[in-house]
Protein backbone atom coordinates (compact mmCIF):
# COMPACT_ATOMS: atom_id res chain seq x y z
CA UNK A 1 -9.92 4.73 -30.31
CA UNK A 2 -10.24 3.32 -34.37
CA UNK A 3 -7.31 1.52 -34.89
CA UNK A 4 -6.21 -2.54 -34.77
CA UNK A 5 -8.58 -4.54 -32.81
CA UNK A 6 -6.49 -6.47 -29.85
CA UNK A 7 -8.03 -8.98 -27.45
CA UNK A 8 -6.92 -9.10 -23.63
CA UNK A 9 -7.36 -11.55 -21.03
CA UNK A 10 -7.16 -10.17 -17.90
CA UNK A 11 -6.28 -12.64 -14.75
CA UNK A 12 -9.29 -12.74 -11.77
CA UNK A 13 -7.62 -10.53 -9.55
CA UNK A 14 -7.65 -7.82 -12.07
CA UNK A 15 -11.61 -8.49 -12.89
CA UNK A 16 -12.71 -6.07 -10.53
CA UNK A 17 -11.10 -3.23 -12.25
CA UNK A 18 -13.09 -3.95 -15.81
CA UNK A 19 -16.28 -2.95 -16.57
CA UNK A 20 -18.86 -5.12 -15.75
CA UNK A 21 -19.63 -6.37 -19.21
CA UNK A 22 -16.02 -7.36 -19.80
CA UNK A 23 -15.11 -9.35 -17.01
CA UNK A 24 -16.19 -12.84 -18.87
CA UNK A 25 -13.18 -14.38 -20.84
CA UNK A 26 -11.65 -12.32 -23.44
CA UNK A 27 -12.76 -8.64 -24.34
CA UNK A 28 -12.43 -7.07 -27.55
CA UNK A 29 -10.53 -3.51 -27.62
CA UNK A 30 -9.63 -1.05 -30.69
CA UNK A 31 -6.51 0.61 -30.23
CA UNK A 32 -5.43 3.86 -31.76
CA UNK A 33 -2.81 2.41 -33.80
CA UNK A 34 0.39 4.66 -31.79
CA UNK A 35 -0.98 4.48 -27.71
CA UNK A 36 1.20 1.63 -25.72
CA UNK A 37 -0.44 -1.51 -24.48
CA UNK A 38 -0.16 0.10 -20.52
CA UNK A 39 -2.39 2.75 -22.10
CA UNK A 40 -5.24 0.63 -23.63
CA UNK A 41 -4.97 -1.90 -19.87
CA UNK A 42 -5.28 1.93 -18.10
CA UNK A 43 -8.26 2.60 -20.47
CA UNK A 44 -10.16 -0.46 -19.32
CA UNK A 45 -9.63 0.61 -15.54
CA UNK A 46 -6.59 -1.45 -14.62
CA UNK A 47 -3.80 0.65 -12.86
CA UNK A 48 -0.64 -0.66 -14.14
CA UNK A 49 0.55 -0.68 -10.19
CA UNK A 50 -1.68 -4.14 -9.82
CA UNK A 51 -0.28 -5.50 -13.16
CA UNK A 52 2.46 -7.62 -12.76
CA UNK A 53 3.23 -8.99 -16.56
CA UNK A 54 1.69 -8.60 -19.86
CA UNK A 55 1.85 -11.28 -22.46
CA UNK A 56 1.26 -11.18 -26.44
CA UNK A 57 0.45 -14.02 -27.78
CA UNK A 58 2.91 -16.17 -25.44
CA UNK A 59 5.64 -13.49 -25.12
CA UNK A 60 6.79 -11.28 -22.19
CA UNK A 61 6.35 -7.49 -23.35
CA UNK A 62 6.84 -4.19 -21.81
CA UNK A 63 4.15 -1.45 -20.90
CA UNK A 64 5.34 0.59 -23.89
CA UNK A 65 4.44 -2.01 -26.40
CA UNK A 66 2.50 -0.61 -29.40
CA UNK A 67 -0.09 -3.11 -30.11
CA UNK A 68 -0.47 -4.63 -33.63
CA UNK A 69 -3.80 -6.13 -35.09
CA UNK A 70 -5.10 -9.17 -33.79
CA UNK A 71 -2.74 -9.60 -30.99
CA UNK A 72 -3.97 -11.60 -28.20
CA UNK A 73 -2.98 -10.44 -24.88
CA UNK A 74 -2.94 -11.95 -21.06
CA UNK A 75 -2.50 -9.18 -18.30
CA UNK A 76 -1.40 -10.70 -15.18
CA UNK A 77 -1.53 -9.21 -11.59
CA UNK A 78 1.45 -8.28 -10.03
CA UNK A 79 3.57 -11.18 -8.29
CA UNK A 80 3.36 -11.63 -4.12
CA UNK A 81 5.81 -11.09 -2.66
CA UNK A 82 6.22 -7.66 -4.86
CA UNK A 83 9.89 -6.60 -4.32
CA UNK A 84 10.20 -2.90 -4.39
CA UNK A 85 12.95 -1.27 -6.29
CA UNK A 86 15.19 0.57 -3.71
CA UNK A 87 15.15 0.68 0.24
CA UNK A 88 14.49 0.87 2.81
CA UNK A 89 10.15 -0.08 2.44
CA UNK A 90 8.10 2.88 3.20
CA UNK A 91 4.85 3.54 2.35
CA UNK A 92 2.69 6.78 1.85
CA UNK A 93 -1.00 6.44 3.10
CA UNK A 94 -4.07 8.85 1.74
CA UNK A 95 -6.43 10.39 3.91
CA UNK A 96 -8.90 7.44 3.90
CA UNK A 97 -6.71 4.83 5.36
CA UNK A 98 -6.05 6.14 9.30
CA UNK A 99 -6.53 3.04 10.65
CA UNK A 100 -4.45 1.21 8.09
CA UNK A 101 -1.39 3.43 8.95
CA UNK A 102 -1.91 3.33 12.47
CA UNK A 103 -1.72 -0.34 12.31
CA UNK A 104 1.36 -0.24 10.12
CA UNK A 105 3.09 1.75 12.76
CA UNK A 106 2.13 -0.46 14.95
CA UNK A 107 4.19 -3.06 13.62
CA UNK A 108 6.82 -1.20 13.15
CA UNK A 109 6.16 -0.15 9.23
CA UNK A 110 7.10 3.24 7.84
CA UNK A 111 3.92 4.74 7.04
CA UNK A 112 3.52 8.10 6.34
CA UNK A 113 0.30 9.36 6.41
CA UNK A 114 -1.53 12.50 5.16
CA UNK A 115 -4.85 13.16 7.49
CA UNK A 116 -6.25 16.30 5.26
CA UNK A 117 -6.65 15.59 1.58
CA UNK A 118 -3.91 17.53 0.04
CA UNK A 119 -5.03 16.44 -3.53
CA UNK A 120 -3.47 13.37 -6.09
CA UNK A 121 -0.51 15.47 -7.18
CA UNK A 122 0.75 16.48 -4.19
CA UNK A 123 0.43 12.88 -2.89
CA UNK A 124 1.71 11.30 -6.04
CA UNK A 125 4.65 14.11 -5.61
CA UNK A 126 5.60 13.13 -2.23
CA UNK A 127 5.78 9.40 -3.40
CA UNK A 128 8.48 10.18 -5.48
CA UNK A 129 10.75 12.17 -3.53
CA UNK A 130 10.08 10.54 -0.62
CA UNK A 131 10.57 6.98 -2.54
CA UNK A 132 7.29 5.66 -0.58
CA UNK A 133 4.64 3.18 -1.97
CA UNK A 134 1.83 4.61 -2.53
CA UNK A 135 -1.28 2.86 -0.79
CA UNK A 136 -4.88 3.79 -2.10
CA UNK A 137 -7.77 2.24 -2.88
CA UNK A 138 -8.46 5.43 -5.46
CA UNK A 139 -7.70 4.38 -8.98
CA UNK A 140 -7.16 7.60 -10.60
CA UNK A 141 -4.67 8.33 -7.89
CA UNK A 142 -2.59 5.39 -8.73
CA UNK A 143 -2.44 6.02 -12.28
CA UNK A 144 -0.53 9.16 -11.57
CA UNK A 145 2.43 8.62 -14.05
CA UNK A 146 4.52 10.46 -10.98
CA UNK A 147 4.48 7.65 -8.56
CA UNK A 148 7.66 5.93 -7.34
CA UNK A 149 5.34 2.98 -6.69
CA UNK A 150 1.77 2.28 -5.69
CA UNK A 151 -0.15 -0.19 -4.56
CA UNK A 152 -4.30 -0.71 -4.73
CA UNK A 153 -5.84 -1.44 -1.41
CA UNK A 154 -8.19 -4.32 -2.07
CA UNK A 155 -10.36 -4.37 1.24
CA UNK A 156 -12.59 -1.57 2.93
CA UNK A 157 -12.22 -3.46 6.49
CA UNK A 158 -8.55 -2.14 8.52
CA UNK A 159 -7.93 -6.26 9.45
CA UNK A 160 -7.85 -7.12 5.83
CA UNK A 161 -6.24 -3.93 4.38
CA UNK A 162 -3.63 -5.05 6.81
CA UNK A 163 -3.03 -8.48 5.76
CA UNK A 164 -3.31 -7.36 2.07
CA UNK A 165 -0.37 -5.27 2.77
CA UNK A 166 1.44 -7.58 4.44
CA UNK A 167 1.14 -10.21 2.26
CA UNK A 168 2.14 -8.17 -0.77
CA UNK A 169 5.14 -6.03 -0.05
CA UNK A 170 6.67 -8.43 3.21
CA UNK A 171 7.46 -5.93 5.36
CA UNK A 172 10.20 -6.12 8.13
CA UNK A 173 7.98 -6.25 11.50
CA UNK A 174 9.67 -4.51 14.07
CA UNK A 175 6.59 -3.78 16.57
CA UNK A 176 6.04 -1.60 19.18
CA UNK A 177 9.09 0.70 17.64
CA UNK A 178 7.30 3.54 16.25
CA UNK A 179 4.51 6.49 17.23
CA UNK A 180 1.52 5.26 16.27
CA UNK A 181 0.16 8.92 15.92
CA UNK A 182 2.78 10.47 13.99
CA UNK A 183 5.41 7.55 12.54
CA UNK A 184 8.28 8.68 14.30
CA UNK A 185 10.60 6.30 16.47
CA UNK A 186 10.20 5.11 20.42
CA UNK A 187 12.69 5.29 22.49
CA UNK A 188 12.32 4.13 26.28
CA UNK A 189 11.62 6.83 28.84
CA UNK A 190 12.43 7.41 32.36
CA UNK A 191 9.24 7.78 34.37
CA UNK A 192 10.90 10.33 36.07
CA UNK A 193 11.34 12.52 33.02
CA UNK A 194 8.06 12.07 31.85
CA UNK A 195 6.47 12.16 34.96
CA UNK A 196 4.34 15.78 34.48
CA UNK A 197 2.88 14.41 31.25
CA UNK A 198 1.08 11.16 33.15
CA UNK A 199 -1.89 11.38 35.17
CA UNK A 200 -1.66 10.26 38.94
CA UNK A 201 -3.75 7.18 37.97
CA UNK A 202 -0.75 6.39 35.46
CA UNK A 203 1.79 7.43 37.49
CA UNK A 204 0.92 4.80 40.66
CA UNK A 205 0.15 1.92 38.29
CA UNK A 206 2.62 1.93 35.73
CA UNK A 207 6.69 1.83 35.71
CA UNK A 208 7.80 1.08 31.90
CA UNK A 209 7.57 3.75 29.41
CA UNK A 210 8.55 4.75 25.70
CA UNK A 211 8.33 8.29 24.18
CA UNK A 212 8.72 9.16 20.46
CA UNK A 213 11.57 10.94 19.33
CA UNK A 214 9.79 13.28 16.94
CA UNK A 215 6.32 14.54 18.70
CA UNK A 216 7.04 13.80 22.56
CA UNK A 217 4.16 11.57 22.79
CA UNK A 218 4.48 9.11 25.82
CA UNK A 219 3.41 5.23 25.58
CA UNK A 220 2.96 2.36 28.37
CA UNK A 221 1.12 -1.11 28.91
CA UNK A 222 -2.24 0.83 29.42
CA UNK A 223 -5.98 -0.79 29.36
CA UNK A 224 -5.96 -0.57 25.52
CA UNK A 225 -2.74 -2.48 25.28
CA UNK A 226 -3.79 -6.17 25.09
CA UNK A 227 -6.17 -5.37 21.91
CA UNK A 228 -3.56 -3.94 20.27
CA UNK A 229 -0.87 -7.31 21.21
CA UNK A 230 -3.43 -9.40 19.60
CA UNK A 231 -3.30 -7.48 16.29
CA UNK A 232 0.78 -7.44 16.77
CA UNK A 233 1.09 -11.34 17.59
CA UNK A 234 -1.29 -12.56 14.51
CA UNK A 235 0.45 -10.51 12.24
CA UNK A 236 4.05 -11.86 13.46
CA UNK A 237 2.47 -15.84 13.33
CA UNK A 238 0.94 -14.86 10.08
CA UNK A 239 3.57 -13.12 8.34
CA UNK A 240 6.93 -14.08 9.87
CA UNK A 241 9.37 -13.10 12.65
CA UNK A 242 9.73 -9.69 13.74
CA UNK A 243 12.77 -7.90 13.26
């Protein structure tokens, strides 16, 4: 770029995206005189999915604003909780976020997940077609123009990832209503109807079952239930009553 010089100041939440040498205070940037302010922000590594407002000399402007020489820009992080246009709120997670997907499903949140790497273009297209919020730690993916909406997952720890998503998007929680394997909806299942799918020990010990309407997987409160219940209880306690 070789045009008007502007000065940008990123709020602390966004500085992790900016090159290390530009993270302290205001940073100068030469623009080309025709590209948008949104493009300028992205050129410094910040996905627009993470930007809440752009203030030019104290005045809020759209991403399409064309910068002029000497402008002072404040780049704010998206506000929380973030309201996404349209309903219902649904998510799409990339191949690296399988544990997060299963935990969201455990809480009854609609969370589609790609278990294979199908490529950024295909993910972005699915996000747009199904109107799902794309969740990823891939900054390049979150800069794709086709996305319906997106959110950067800031941690690599599943428990922190879950807390981050619940705090940011405030989805309605309905624990134990979705299949953690395929995201289908669960319904009550009569023991006799699922008996052939159960081992002898399970048949003798348990009487209450649920079954996925999409993949037919059967669920019961087995030995792992206490660990899962702890995840549910913590999420409901911290982020509001379940539906």
